[in-house]
Amino acid sequence: MSINSTLQVSRMESPSLTYLKELSKGNVVFERKIIKIMIDELVEENAFYEKAIQLKNYYWASEIVHKMKHKIAFFQMDLAFSVAEEHELSLLKESLNYDKDFQEIITKILNFLPECSE
């Protein structure tokens, strides 16, 4: 699959709580704690990412993407994870080729999480 195909499919890919459900074994309190932690960390990391991009500190931005891509994997978004990996590498080359796609992925997760904590 080419990266363009991956980008198109990743826009349709949705976050999943399957892994969290397996970890929690039905413990709703645990699930809510993890979701709150994910929301807090993603919001903070996204703010740092935006700051790094604003400062054109692409190395710092790539480090942040590296952390965030593991959260993408947690939500079983395999294609989105691939986009994040490509973005991390392109940032090291001072390229923002995947920035828009990466932001769409993070926005999708951040919009999804509050719905899960209700």
PDB file of N, CA and C in Angstrom:
ATOM      1  N   MET A   1       0.857  -1.180   0.000  1.00  0.00           N
ATOM      2  CA  MET A   1       0.000   0.000   0.000  1.00  0.00           C
ATOM      3  C   MET A   1       0.893   1.230   0.000  1.00  0.00           C
ATOM      4  N   SER A   2       0.616   2.146  -0.902  1.00  0.00           N
ATOM      5  CA  SER A   2       1.410   3.368  -0.953  1.00  0.00           C
ATOM      6  C   SER A   2       1.025   4.281   0.201  1.00  0.00           C
ATOM      7  N   ILE A   3       1.891   5.245   0.492  1.00  0.00           N
ATOM      8  CA  ILE A   3       1.609   6.167   1.594  1.00  0.00           C
ATOM      9  C   ILE A   3       0.363   6.989   1.287  1.00  0.00           C
ATOM     10  N   ASN A   4       0.118   7.337   0.030  1.00  0.00           N
ATOM     11  CA  ASN A   4      -1.100   8.087  -0.303  1.00  0.00           C
ATOM     12  C   ASN A   4      -2.340   7.269   0.005  1.00  0.00           C
ATOM     13  N   SER A   5      -2.306   5.973  -0.305  1.00  0.00           N
ATOM     14  CA  SER A   5      -3.424   5.095   0.028  1.00  0.00           C
ATOM     15  C   SER A   5      -3.593   5.021   1.533  1.00  0.00           C
ATOM     16  N   THR A   6      -2.472   4.935   2.227  1.00  0.00           N
ATOM     17  CA  THR A   6      -2.516   4.880   3.677  1.00  0.00           C
ATOM     18  C   THR A   6      -3.155   6.137   4.245  1.00  0.00           C
ATOM     19  N   LEU A   7      -2.790   7.297   3.723  1.00  0.00           N
ATOM     20  CA  LEU A   7      -3.349   8.543   4.211  1.00  0.00           C
ATOM     21  C   LEU A   7      -4.851   8.586   3.992  1.00  0.00           C
ATOM     22  N   GLN A   8      -5.310   8.160   2.831  1.00  0.00           N
ATOM     23  CA  GLN A   8      -6.741   8.178   2.549  1.00  0.00           C
ATOM     24  C   GLN A   8      -7.494   7.236   3.483  1.00  0.00           C
ATOM     25  N   VAL A   9      -6.951   6.057   3.706  1.00  0.00           N
ATOM     26  CA  VAL A   9      -7.610   5.095   4.574  1.00  0.00           C
ATOM     27  C   VAL A   9      -7.572   5.562   6.021  1.00  0.00           C
ATOM     28  N   SER A  10      -6.467   6.189   6.433  1.00  0.00           N
ATOM     29  CA  SER A  10      -6.352   6.616   7.826  1.00  0.00           C
ATOM     30  C   SER A  10      -7.406   7.655   8.190  1.00  0.00           C
ATOM     31  N   ARG A  11      -7.859   8.405   7.200  1.00  0.00           N
ATOM     32  CA  ARG A  11      -8.903   9.392   7.472  1.00  0.00           C
ATOM     33  C   ARG A  11     -10.217   8.711   7.841  1.00  0.00           C
ATOM     34  N   MET A  12     -10.392   7.480   7.384  1.00  0.00           N
ATOM     35  CA  MET A  12     -11.616   6.750   7.691  1.00  0.00           C
ATOM     36  C   MET A  12     -11.459   5.881   8.938  1.00  0.00           C
ATOM     37  N   GLU A  13     -10.235   5.612   9.335  1.00  0.00           N
ATOM     38  CA  GLU A  13      -9.950   4.750  10.476  1.00  0.00           C
ATOM     39  C   GLU A  13     -10.402   5.433  11.764  1.00  0.00           C
ATOM     40  N   SER A  14     -11.017   4.670  12.637  1.00  0.00           N
ATOM     41  CA  SER A  14     -11.513   5.223  13.899  1.00  0.00           C
ATOM     42  C   SER A  14     -10.800   4.589  15.084  1.00  0.00           C
ATOM     43  N   PRO A  15     -10.658   5.356  16.169  1.00  0.00           N
ATOM     44  CA  PRO A  15     -10.055   4.796  17.381  1.00  0.00           C
ATOM     45  C   PRO A  15     -10.924   3.667  17.936  1.00  0.00           C
ATOM     46  N   SER A  16     -10.286   2.727  18.595  1.00  0.00           N
ATOM     47  CA  SER A  16     -10.979   1.588  19.188  1.00  0.00           C
ATOM     48  C   SER A  16     -10.558   1.443  20.648  1.00  0.00           C
ATOM     49  N   LEU A  17     -11.492   1.013  21.472  1.00  0.00           N
ATOM     50  CA  LEU A  17     -11.189   0.756  22.880  1.00  0.00           C
ATOM     51  C   LEU A  17     -10.997  -0.735  23.160  1.00  0.00           C
ATOM     52  N   THR A  18     -10.865  -1.526  22.125  1.00  0.00           N
ATOM     53  CA  THR A  18     -10.750  -2.973  22.290  1.00  0.00           C
ATOM     54  C   THR A  18      -9.591  -3.352  23.209  1.00  0.00           C
ATOM     55  N   TYR A  19      -8.437  -2.763  22.982  1.00  0.00           N
ATOM     56  CA  TYR A  19      -7.267  -3.084  23.808  1.00  0.00           C
ATOM     57  C   TYR A  19      -7.506  -2.683  25.267  1.00  0.00           C
ATOM     58  N   LEU A  20      -8.080  -1.505  25.479  1.00  0.00           N
ATOM     59  CA  LEU A  20      -8.371  -1.046  26.840  1.00  0.00           C
ATOM     60  C   LEU A  20      -9.364  -1.989  27.517  1.00  0.00           C
ATOM     61  N   LYS A  21     -10.364  -2.434  26.788  1.00  0.00           N
ATOM     62  CA  LYS A  21     -11.360  -3.366  27.345  1.00  0.00           C
ATOM     63  C   LYS A  21     -10.694  -4.683  27.749  1.00  0.00           C
ATOM     64  N   GLU A  22      -9.748  -5.135  26.944  1.00  0.00           N
ATOM     65  CA  GLU A  22      -9.021  -6.358  27.284  1.00  0.00           C
ATOM     66  C   GLU A  22      -8.187  -6.160  28.548  1.00  0.00           C
ATOM     67  N   LEU A  23      -7.522  -5.015  28.634  1.00  0.00           N
ATOM     68  CA  LEU A  23      -6.702  -4.724  29.821  1.00  0.00           C
ATOM     69  C   LEU A  23      -7.541  -4.609  31.084  1.00  0.00           C
ATOM     70  N   SER A  24      -8.680  -3.954  30.974  1.00  0.00           N
ATOM     71  CA  SER A  24      -9.490  -3.652  32.156  1.00  0.00           C
ATOM     72  C   SER A  24     -10.280  -4.840  32.673  1.00  0.00           C
ATOM     73  N   LYS A  25     -10.533  -5.806  31.801  1.00  0.00           N
ATOM     74  CA  LYS A  25     -11.332  -6.983  32.185  1.00  0.00           C
ATOM     75  C   LYS A  25     -12.642  -6.568  32.848  1.00  0.00           C
ATOM     76  N   GLY A  26     -13.257  -5.518  32.290  1.00  0.00           N
ATOM     77  CA  GLY A  26     -14.558  -5.071  32.779  1.00  0.00           C
ATOM     78  C   GLY A  26     -14.511  -4.040  33.901  1.00  0.00           C
ATOM     79  N   ASN A  27     -13.328  -3.635  34.338  1.00  0.00           N
ATOM     80  CA  ASN A  27     -13.192  -2.651  35.405  1.00  0.00           C
ATOM     81  C   ASN A  27     -13.402  -1.252  34.816  1.00  0.00           C
ATOM     82  N   VAL A  28     -14.625  -0.740  34.960  1.00  0.00           N
ATOM     83  CA  VAL A  28     -14.998   0.542  34.361  1.00  0.00           C
ATOM     84  C   VAL A  28     -14.221   1.697  34.996  1.00  0.00           C
ATOM     85  N   VAL A  29     -13.939   1.614  36.281  1.00  0.00           N
ATOM     86  CA  VAL A  29     -13.179   2.660  36.961  1.00  0.00           C
ATOM     87  C   VAL A  29     -11.779   2.763  36.348  1.00  0.00           C
ATOM     88  N   PHE A  30     -11.148   1.625  36.123  1.00  0.00           N
ATOM     89  CA  PHE A  30      -9.836   1.599  35.484  1.00  0.00           C
ATOM     90  C   PHE A  30      -9.910   2.214  34.087  1.00  0.00           C
ATOM     91  N   GLU A  31     -10.922   1.833  33.307  1.00  0.00           N
ATOM     92  CA  GLU A  31     -11.089   2.362  31.952  1.00  0.00           C
ATOM     93  C   GLU A  31     -11.202   3.881  31.964  1.00  0.00           C
ATOM     94  N   ARG A  32     -12.007   4.403  32.870  1.00  0.00           N
ATOM     95  CA  ARG A  32     -12.188   5.864  32.945  1.00  0.00           C
ATOM     96  C   ARG A  32     -10.889   6.573  33.325  1.00  0.00           C
ATOM     97  N   LYS A  33     -10.119   5.973  34.237  1.00  0.00           N
ATOM     98  CA  LYS A  33      -8.829   6.562  34.632  1.00  0.00           C
ATOM     99  C   LYS A  33      -7.877   6.623  33.439  1.00  0.00           C
ATOM    100  N   ILE A  34      -7.813   5.538  32.706  1.00  0.00           N
ATOM    101  CA  ILE A  34      -6.911   5.491  31.544  1.00  0.00           C
ATOM    102  C   ILE A  34      -7.357   6.506  30.492  1.00  0.00           C
ATOM    103  N   ILE A  35      -8.654   6.596  30.250  1.00  0.00           N
ATOM    104  CA  ILE A  35      -9.162   7.562  29.271  1.00  0.00           C
ATOM    105  C   ILE A  35      -8.828   8.982  29.706  1.00  0.00           C
ATOM    106  N   LYS A  36      -8.991   9.286  30.994  1.00  0.00           N
ATOM    107  CA  LYS A  36      -8.660  10.630  31.489  1.00  0.00           C
ATOM    108  C   LYS A  36      -7.168  10.910  31.313  1.00  0.00           C
ATOM    109  N   ILE A  37      -6.337   9.936  31.627  1.00  0.00           N
ATOM    110  CA  ILE A  37      -4.890  10.102  31.457  1.00  0.00           C
ATOM    111  C   ILE A  37      -4.567  10.353  29.984  1.00  0.00           C
ATOM    112  N   MET A  38      -5.178   9.582  29.111  1.00  0.00           N
ATOM    113  CA  MET A  38      -4.937   9.748  27.674  1.00  0.00           C
ATOM    114  C   MET A  38      -5.344  11.147  27.204  1.00  0.00           C
ATOM    115  N   ILE A  39      -6.501  11.608  27.646  1.00  0.00           N
ATOM    116  CA  ILE A  39      -6.956  12.949  27.272  1.00  0.00           C
ATOM    117  C   ILE A  39      -5.946  13.987  27.751  1.00  0.00           C
ATOM    118  N   ASP A  40      -5.594  13.919  29.025  1.00  0.00           N
ATOM    119  CA  ASP A  40      -4.667  14.902  29.604  1.00  0.00           C
ATOM    120  C   ASP A  40      -3.319  14.894  28.879  1.00  0.00           C
ATOM    121  N   GLU A  41      -2.772  13.704  28.659  1.00  0.00           N
ATOM    122  CA  GLU A  41      -1.460  13.612  28.019  1.00  0.00           C
ATOM    123  C   GLU A  41      -1.503  14.055  26.559  1.00  0.00           C
ATOM    124  N   LEU A  42      -2.528  13.631  25.835  1.00  0.00           N
ATOM    125  CA  LEU A  42      -2.612  14.016  24.420  1.00  0.00           C
ATOM    126  C   LEU A  42      -2.803  15.515  24.244  1.00  0.00           C
ATOM    127  N   VAL A  43      -3.615  16.119  25.088  1.00  0.00           N
ATOM    128  CA  VAL A  43      -3.816  17.567  25.004  1.00  0.00           C
ATOM    129  C   VAL A  43      -2.494  18.286  25.268  1.00  0.00           C
ATOM    130  N   GLU A  44      -1.785  17.867  26.307  1.00  0.00           N
ATOM    131  CA  GLU A  44      -0.510  18.498  26.642  1.00  0.00           C
ATOM    132  C   GLU A  44       0.526  18.267  25.534  1.00  0.00           C
ATOM    133  N   GLU A  45       0.644  17.022  25.080  1.00  0.00           N
ATOM    134  CA  GLU A  45       1.620  16.722  24.034  1.00  0.00           C
ATOM    135  C   GLU A  45       1.289  17.455  22.737  1.00  0.00           C
ATOM    136  N   ASN A  46       0.005  17.562  22.426  1.00  0.00           N
ATOM    137  CA  ASN A  46      -0.385  18.279  21.213  1.00  0.00           C
ATOM    138  C   ASN A  46      -0.019  19.763  21.312  1.00  0.00           C
ATOM    139  N   ALA A  47      -0.179  20.338  22.494  1.00  0.00           N
ATOM    140  CA  ALA A  47       0.211  21.741  22.693  1.00  0.00           C
ATOM    141  C   ALA A  47       1.722  21.903  22.517  1.00  0.00           C
ATOM    142  N   PHE A  48       2.496  20.973  23.064  1.00  0.00           N
ATOM    143  CA  PHE A  48       3.954  21.008  22.890  1.00  0.00           C
ATOM    144  C   PHE A  48       4.321  20.830  21.421  1.00  0.00           C
ATOM    145  N   TYR A  49       3.622  19.920  20.755  1.00  0.00           N
ATOM    146  CA  TYR A  49       3.880  19.686  19.327  1.00  0.00           C
ATOM    147  C   TYR A  49       3.659  20.967  18.532  1.00  0.00           C
ATOM    148  N   GLU A  50       2.528  21.617  18.772  1.00  0.00           N
ATOM    149  CA  GLU A  50       2.221  22.857  18.056  1.00  0.00           C
ATOM    150  C   GLU A  50       3.273  23.927  18.340  1.00  0.00           C
ATOM    151  N   LYS A  51       3.744  23.993  19.583  1.00  0.00           N
ATOM    152  CA  LYS A  51       4.786  24.953  19.951  1.00  0.00           C
ATOM    153  C   LYS A  51       6.093  24.632  19.216  1.00  0.00           C
ATOM    154  N   ALA A  52       6.446  23.356  19.166  1.00  0.00           N
ATOM    155  CA  ALA A  52       7.669  22.946  18.470  1.00  0.00           C
ATOM    156  C   ALA A  52       7.595  23.302  16.987  1.00  0.00           C
ATOM    157  N   ILE A  53       6.447  23.083  16.382  1.00  0.00           N
ATOM    158  CA  ILE A  53       6.269  23.421  14.967  1.00  0.00           C
ATOM    159  C   ILE A  53       6.362  24.933  14.777  1.00  0.00           C
ATOM    160  N   GLN A  54       5.732  25.669  15.662  1.00  0.00           N
ATOM    161  CA  GLN A  54       5.767  27.134  15.588  1.00  0.00           C
ATOM    162  C   GLN A  54       7.206  27.651  15.671  1.00  0.00           C
ATOM    163  N   LEU A  55       7.996  27.011  16.512  1.00  0.00           N
ATOM    164  CA  LEU A  55       9.398  27.405  16.686  1.00  0.00           C
ATOM    165  C   LEU A  55      10.314  26.804  15.621  1.00  0.00           C
ATOM    166  N   LYS A  56       9.736  25.984  14.750  1.00  0.00           N
ATOM    167  CA  LYS A  56      10.504  25.277  13.721  1.00  0.00           C
ATOM    168  C   LYS A  56      11.589  24.382  14.332  1.00  0.00           C
ATOM    169  N   ASN A  57      11.263  23.852  15.516  1.00  0.00           N
ATOM    170  CA  ASN A  57      12.148  22.913  16.188  1.00  0.00           C
ATOM    171  C   ASN A  57      11.657  21.504  15.830  1.00  0.00           C
ATOM    172  N   TYR A  58      12.050  21.050  14.647  1.00  0.00           N
ATOM    173  CA  TYR A  58      11.522  19.812  14.104  1.00  0.00           C
ATOM    174  C   TYR A  58      12.026  18.578  14.850  1.00  0.00           C
ATOM    175  N   TYR A  59      13.199  18.653  15.402  1.00  0.00           N
ATOM    176  CA  TYR A  59      13.697  17.529  16.197  1.00  0.00           C
ATOM    177  C   TYR A  59      12.805  17.326  17.422  1.00  0.00           C
ATOM    178  N   TRP A  60      12.496  18.406  18.130  1.00  0.00           N
ATOM    179  CA  TRP A  60      11.612  18.333  19.296  1.00  0.00           C
ATOM    180  C   TRP A  60      10.234  17.819  18.857  1.00  0.00           C
ATOM    181  N   ALA A  61       9.733  18.335  17.754  1.00  0.00           N
ATOM    182  CA  ALA A  61       8.435  17.895  17.239  1.00  0.00           C
ATOM    183  C   ALA A  61       8.459  16.394  16.956  1.00  0.00           C
ATOM    184  N   SER A  62       9.544  15.887  16.388  1.00  0.00           N
ATOM    185  CA  SER A  62       9.622  14.454  16.087  1.00  0.00           C
ATOM    186  C   SER A  62       9.629  13.619  17.374  1.00  0.00           C
ATOM    187  N   GLU A  63      10.266  14.117  18.417  1.00  0.00           N
ATOM    188  CA  GLU A  63      10.253  13.413  19.707  1.00  0.00           C
ATOM    189  C   GLU A  63       8.834  13.344  20.276  1.00  0.00           C
ATOM    190  N   ILE A  64       8.097  14.416  20.125  1.00  0.00           N
ATOM    191  CA  ILE A  64       6.713  14.450  20.611  1.00  0.00           C
ATOM    192  C   ILE A  64       5.847  13.494  19.800  1.00  0.00           C
ATOM    193  N   VAL A  65       6.019  13.506  18.490  1.00  0.00           N
ATOM    194  CA  VAL A  65       5.270  12.584  17.628  1.00  0.00           C
ATOM    195  C   VAL A  65       5.587  11.146  18.021  1.00  0.00           C
ATOM    196  N   HIS A  66       6.841  10.880  18.351  1.00  0.00           N
ATOM    197  CA  HIS A  66       7.234   9.536  18.776  1.00  0.00           C
ATOM    198  C   HIS A  66       6.407   9.090  19.987  1.00  0.00           C
ATOM    199  N   LYS A  67       6.256   9.965  20.967  1.00  0.00           N
ATOM    200  CA  LYS A  67       5.434   9.642  22.144  1.00  0.00           C
ATOM    201  C   LYS A  67       3.970   9.452  21.763  1.00  0.00           C
ATOM    202  N   MET A  68       3.479  10.347  20.919  1.00  0.00           N
ATOM    203  CA  MET A  68       2.060  10.322  20.567  1.00  0.00           C
ATOM    204  C   MET A  68       1.705   9.107  19.715  1.00  0.00           C
ATOM    205  N   LYS A  69       2.629   8.632  18.916  1.00  0.00           N
ATOM    206  CA  LYS A  69       2.307   7.505  18.033  1.00  0.00           C
ATOM    207  C   LYS A  69       2.019   6.245  18.842  1.00  0.00           C
ATOM    208  N   HIS A  70       2.584   6.130  20.023  1.00  0.00           N
ATOM    209  CA  HIS A  70       2.291   4.969  20.864  1.00  0.00           C
ATOM    210  C   HIS A  70       0.869   5.032  21.412  1.00  0.00           C
ATOM    211  N   LYS A  71       0.361   6.220  21.595  1.00  0.00           N
ATOM    212  CA  LYS A  71      -1.045   6.363  21.982  1.00  0.00           C
ATOM    213  C   LYS A  71      -1.955   6.014  20.801  1.00  0.00           C
ATOM    214  N   ILE A  72      -1.532   6.373  19.619  1.00  0.00           N
ATOM    215  CA  ILE A  72      -2.281   6.009  18.417  1.00  0.00           C
ATOM    216  C   ILE A  72      -2.356   4.479  18.323  1.00  0.00           C
ATOM    217  N   ALA A  73      -1.262   3.813  18.599  1.00  0.00           N
ATOM    218  CA  ALA A  73      -1.234   2.344  18.571  1.00  0.00           C
ATOM    219  C   ALA A  73      -2.161   1.766  19.641  1.00  0.00           C
ATOM    220  N   PHE A  74      -2.210   2.407  20.804  1.00  0.00           N
ATOM    221  CA  PHE A  74      -3.080   1.955  21.897  1.00  0.00           C
ATOM    222  C   PHE A  74      -4.532   1.885  21.434  1.00  0.00           C
ATOM    223  N   PHE A  75      -4.919   2.812  20.566  1.00  0.00           N
ATOM    224  CA  PHE A  75      -6.294   2.849  20.054  1.00  0.00           C
ATOM    225  C   PHE A  75      -6.444   2.026  18.772  1.00  0.00           C
ATOM    226  N   GLN A  76      -5.463   1.206  18.494  1.00  0.00           N
ATOM    227  CA  GLN A  76      -5.479   0.243  17.397  1.00  0.00           C
ATOM    228  C   GLN A  76      -5.774   0.885  16.048  1.00  0.00           C
ATOM    229  N   MET A  77      -5.115   1.999  15.808  1.00  0.00           N
ATOM    230  CA  MET A  77      -5.237   2.707  14.536  1.00  0.00           C
ATOM    231  C   MET A  77      -3.954   2.439  13.745  1.00  0.00           C
ATOM    232  N   ASP A  78      -3.907   1.263  13.143  1.00  0.00           N
ATOM    233  CA  ASP A  78      -2.678   0.801  12.488  1.00  0.00           C
ATOM    234  C   ASP A  78      -2.224   1.710  11.350  1.00  0.00           C
ATOM    235  N   LEU A  79      -3.149   2.124  10.516  1.00  0.00           N
ATOM    236  CA  LEU A  79      -2.773   2.984   9.393  1.00  0.00           C
ATOM    237  C   LEU A  79      -2.351   4.368   9.888  1.00  0.00           C
ATOM    238  N   ALA A  80      -3.062   4.867  10.881  1.00  0.00           N
ATOM    239  CA  ALA A  80      -2.698   6.157  11.469  1.00  0.00           C
ATOM    240  C   ALA A  80      -1.321   6.078  12.118  1.00  0.00           C
ATOM    241  N   PHE A  81      -1.010   4.945  12.732  1.00  0.00           N
ATOM    242  CA  PHE A  81       0.311   4.733  13.322  1.00  0.00           C
ATOM    243  C   PHE A  81       1.383   4.834  12.242  1.00  0.00           C
ATOM    244  N   SER A  82       1.115   4.244  11.075  1.00  0.00           N
ATOM    245  CA  SER A  82       2.065   4.320   9.958  1.00  0.00           C
ATOM    246  C   SER A  82       2.280   5.761   9.510  1.00  0.00           C
ATOM    247  N   VAL A  83       1.203   6.524   9.471  1.00  0.00           N
ATOM    248  CA  VAL A  83       1.315   7.939   9.108  1.00  0.00           C
ATOM    249  C   VAL A  83       2.165   8.669  10.139  1.00  0.00           C
ATOM    250  N   ALA A  84       1.928   8.391  11.427  1.00  0.00           N
ATOM    251  CA  ALA A  84       2.711   9.028  12.491  1.00  0.00           C
ATOM    252  C   ALA A  84       4.192   8.668  12.369  1.00  0.00           C
ATOM    253  N   GLU A  85       4.480   7.415  12.031  1.00  0.00           N
ATOM    254  CA  GLU A  85       5.879   7.012  11.834  1.00  0.00           C
ATOM    255  C   GLU A  85       6.517   7.786  10.684  1.00  0.00           C
ATOM    256  N   GLU A  86       5.795   7.901   9.584  1.00  0.00           N
ATOM    257  CA  GLU A  86       6.301   8.663   8.435  1.00  0.00           C
ATOM    258  C   GLU A  86       6.505  10.131   8.807  1.00  0.00           C
ATOM    259  N   HIS A  87       5.561  10.657   9.588  1.00  0.00           N
ATOM    260  CA  HIS A  87       5.659  12.059  10.007  1.00  0.00           C
ATOM    261  C   HIS A  87       6.873  12.267  10.909  1.00  0.00           C
ATOM    262  N   GLU A  88       7.073  11.349  11.831  1.00  0.00           N
ATOM    263  CA  GLU A  88       8.227  11.443  12.729  1.00  0.00           C
ATOM    264  C   GLU A  88       9.529  11.497  11.924  1.00  0.00           C
ATOM    265  N   LEU A  89       9.653  10.626  10.948  1.00  0.00           N
ATOM    266  CA  LEU A  89      10.860  10.590  10.117  1.00  0.00           C
ATOM    267  C   LEU A  89      10.986  11.830   9.235  1.00  0.00           C
ATOM    268  N   SER A  90       9.868  12.300   8.695  1.00  0.00           N
ATOM    269  CA  SER A  90       9.943  13.474   7.815  1.00  0.00           C
ATOM    270  C   SER A  90      10.290  14.733   8.610  1.00  0.00           C
ATOM    271  N   LEU A  91       9.856  14.792   9.857  1.00  0.00           N
ATOM    272  CA  LEU A  91      10.224  15.938  10.692  1.00  0.00           C
ATOM    273  C   LEU A  91      11.733  16.014  10.897  1.00  0.00           C
ATOM    274  N   LEU A  92      12.362  14.864  10.984  1.00  0.00           N
ATOM    275  CA  LEU A  92      13.821  14.845  11.140  1.00  0.00           C
ATOM    276  C   LEU A  92      14.519  15.401   9.906  1.00  0.00           C
ATOM    277  N   LYS A  93      13.805  15.429   8.787  1.00  0.00           N
ATOM    278  CA  LYS A  93      14.316  16.027   7.554  1.00  0.00           C
ATOM    279  C   LYS A  93      13.763  17.443   7.367  1.00  0.00           C
ATOM    280  N   GLU A  94      13.177  17.970   8.444  1.00  0.00           N
ATOM    281  CA  GLU A  94      12.578  19.307   8.467  1.00  0.00           C
ATOM    282  C   GLU A  94      11.469  19.465   7.431  1.00  0.00           C
ATOM    283  N   SER A  95      10.699  18.412   7.269  1.00  0.00           N
ATOM    284  CA  SER A  95       9.581  18.405   6.325  1.00  0.00           C
ATOM    285  C   SER A  95       8.269  18.258   7.088  1.00  0.00           C
ATOM    286  N   LEU A  96       7.278  19.001   6.653  1.00  0.00           N
ATOM    287  CA  LEU A  96       5.950  18.934   7.257  1.00  0.00           C
ATOM    288  C   LEU A  96       4.944  18.234   6.337  1.00  0.00           C
ATOM    289  N   ASN A  97       5.430  17.328   5.498  1.00  0.00           N
ATOM    290  CA  ASN A  97       4.574  16.649   4.523  1.00  0.00           C
ATOM    291  C   ASN A  97       3.357  15.973   5.138  1.00  0.00           C
ATOM    292  N   TYR A  98       3.479  15.455   6.349  1.00  0.00           N
ATOM    293  CA  TYR A  98       2.392  14.694   6.966  1.00  0.00           C
ATOM    294  C   TYR A  98       1.726  15.434   8.120  1.00  0.00           C
ATOM    295  N   ASP A  99       2.052  16.696   8.288  1.00  0.00           N
ATOM    296  CA  ASP A  99       1.525  17.458   9.423  1.00  0.00           C
ATOM    297  C   ASP A  99       0.002  17.500   9.435  1.00  0.00           C
ATOM    298  N   LYS A 100      -0.604  17.811   8.324  1.00  0.00           N
ATOM    299  CA  LYS A 100      -2.070  17.910   8.264  1.00  0.00           C
ATOM    300  C   LYS A 100      -2.719  16.568   8.602  1.00  0.00           C
ATOM    301  N   ASP A 101      -2.194  15.496   8.036  1.00  0.00           N
ATOM    302  CA  ASP A 101      -2.737  14.167   8.311  1.00  0.00           C
ATOM    303  C   ASP A 101      -2.559  13.798   9.781  1.00  0.00           C
ATOM    304  N   PHE A 102      -1.398  14.109  10.325  1.00  0.00           N
ATOM    305  CA  PHE A 102      -1.138  13.816  11.735  1.00  0.00           C
ATOM    306  C   PHE A 102      -2.105  14.581  12.630  1.00  0.00           C
ATOM    307  N   GLN A 103      -2.305  15.846  12.336  1.00  0.00           N
ATOM    308  CA  GLN A 103      -3.237  16.651  13.133  1.00  0.00           C
ATOM    309  C   GLN A 103      -4.667  16.109  13.048  1.00  0.00           C
ATOM    310  N   GLU A 104      -5.059  15.628  11.876  1.00  0.00           N
ATOM    311  CA  GLU A 104      -6.389  15.035  11.730  1.00  0.00           C
ATOM    312  C   GLU A 104      -6.540  13.798  12.609  1.00  0.00           C
ATOM    313  N   ILE A 105      -5.502  12.997  12.675  1.00  0.00           N
ATOM    314  CA  ILE A 105      -5.523  11.783  13.504  1.00  0.00           C
ATOM    315  C   ILE A 105      -5.675  12.152  14.975  1.00  0.00           C
ATOM    316  N   ILE A 106      -4.855  13.083  15.434  1.00  0.00           N
ATOM    317  CA  ILE A 106      -4.904  13.486  16.846  1.00  0.00           C
ATOM    318  C   ILE A 106      -6.256  14.118  17.176  1.00  0.00           C
ATOM    319  N   THR A 107      -6.768  14.937  16.286  1.00  0.00           N
ATOM    320  CA  THR A 107      -8.085  15.554  16.503  1.00  0.00           C
ATOM    321  C   THR A 107      -9.161  14.479  16.593  1.00  0.00           C
ATOM    322  N   LYS A 108      -9.071  13.476  15.733  1.00  0.00           N
ATOM    323  CA  LYS A 108     -10.050  12.385  15.753  1.00  0.00           C
ATOM    324  C   LYS A 108     -10.028  11.674  17.109  1.00  0.00           C
ATOM    325  N   ILE A 109      -8.838  11.406  17.627  1.00  0.00           N
ATOM    326  CA  ILE A 109      -8.722  10.734  18.934  1.00  0.00           C
ATOM    327  C   ILE A 109      -9.245  11.642  20.044  1.00  0.00           C
ATOM    328  N   LEU A 110      -8.849  12.908  20.013  1.00  0.00           N
ATOM    329  CA  LEU A 110      -9.285  13.834  21.063  1.00  0.00           C
ATOM    330  C   LEU A 110     -10.797  14.054  21.040  1.00  0.00           C
ATOM    331  N   ASN A 111     -11.418  13.963  19.898  1.00  0.00           N
ATOM    332  CA  ASN A 111     -12.876  14.068  19.813  1.00  0.00           C
ATOM    333  C   ASN A 111     -13.554  12.778  20.275  1.00  0.00           C
ATOM    334  N   PHE A 112     -12.888  11.671  20.098  1.00  0.00           N
ATOM    335  CA  PHE A 112     -13.417  10.360  20.461  1.00  0.00           C
ATOM    336  C   PHE A 112     -13.382  10.121  21.972  1.00  0.00           C
ATOM    337  N   LEU A 113     -12.308  10.517  22.631  1.00  0.00           N
ATOM    338  CA  LEU A 113     -12.107  10.178  24.035  1.00  0.00           C
ATOM    339  C   LEU A 113     -13.169  10.718  24.991  1.00  0.00           C
ATOM    340  N   PRO A 114     -13.572  11.977  24.890  1.00  0.00           N
ATOM    341  CA  PRO A 114     -14.600  12.447  25.835  1.00  0.00           C
ATOM    342  C   PRO A 114     -15.908  11.664  25.733  1.00  0.00           C
ATOM    343  N   GLU A 115     -16.235  11.201  24.545  1.00  0.00           N
ATOM    344  CA  GLU A 115     -17.438  10.393  24.362  1.00  0.00           C
ATOM    345  C   GLU A 115     -17.334   9.082  25.136  1.00  0.00           C
ATOM    346  N   CYS A 116     -16.126   8.576  25.319  1.00  0.00           N
ATOM    347  CA  CYS A 116     -15.901   7.299  25.990  1.00  0.00           C
ATOM    348  C   CYS A 116     -15.948   7.422  27.504  1.00  0.00           C
ATOM    349  N   SER A 117     -15.733   8.601  28.013  1.00  0.00           N
ATOM    350  CA  SER A 117     -15.638   8.762  29.465  1.00  0.00           C
ATOM    351  C   SER A 117     -16.980   9.081  30.110  1.00  0.00           C
ATOM    352  N   GLU A 118     -18.014   9.139  29.304  1.00  0.00           N
ATOM    353  CA  GLU A 118     -19.346   9.456  29.854  1.00  0.00           C
ATOM    354  C   GLU A 118     -20.023   8.235  30.410  1.00  0.00           C
TER     355      GLU A 118
END
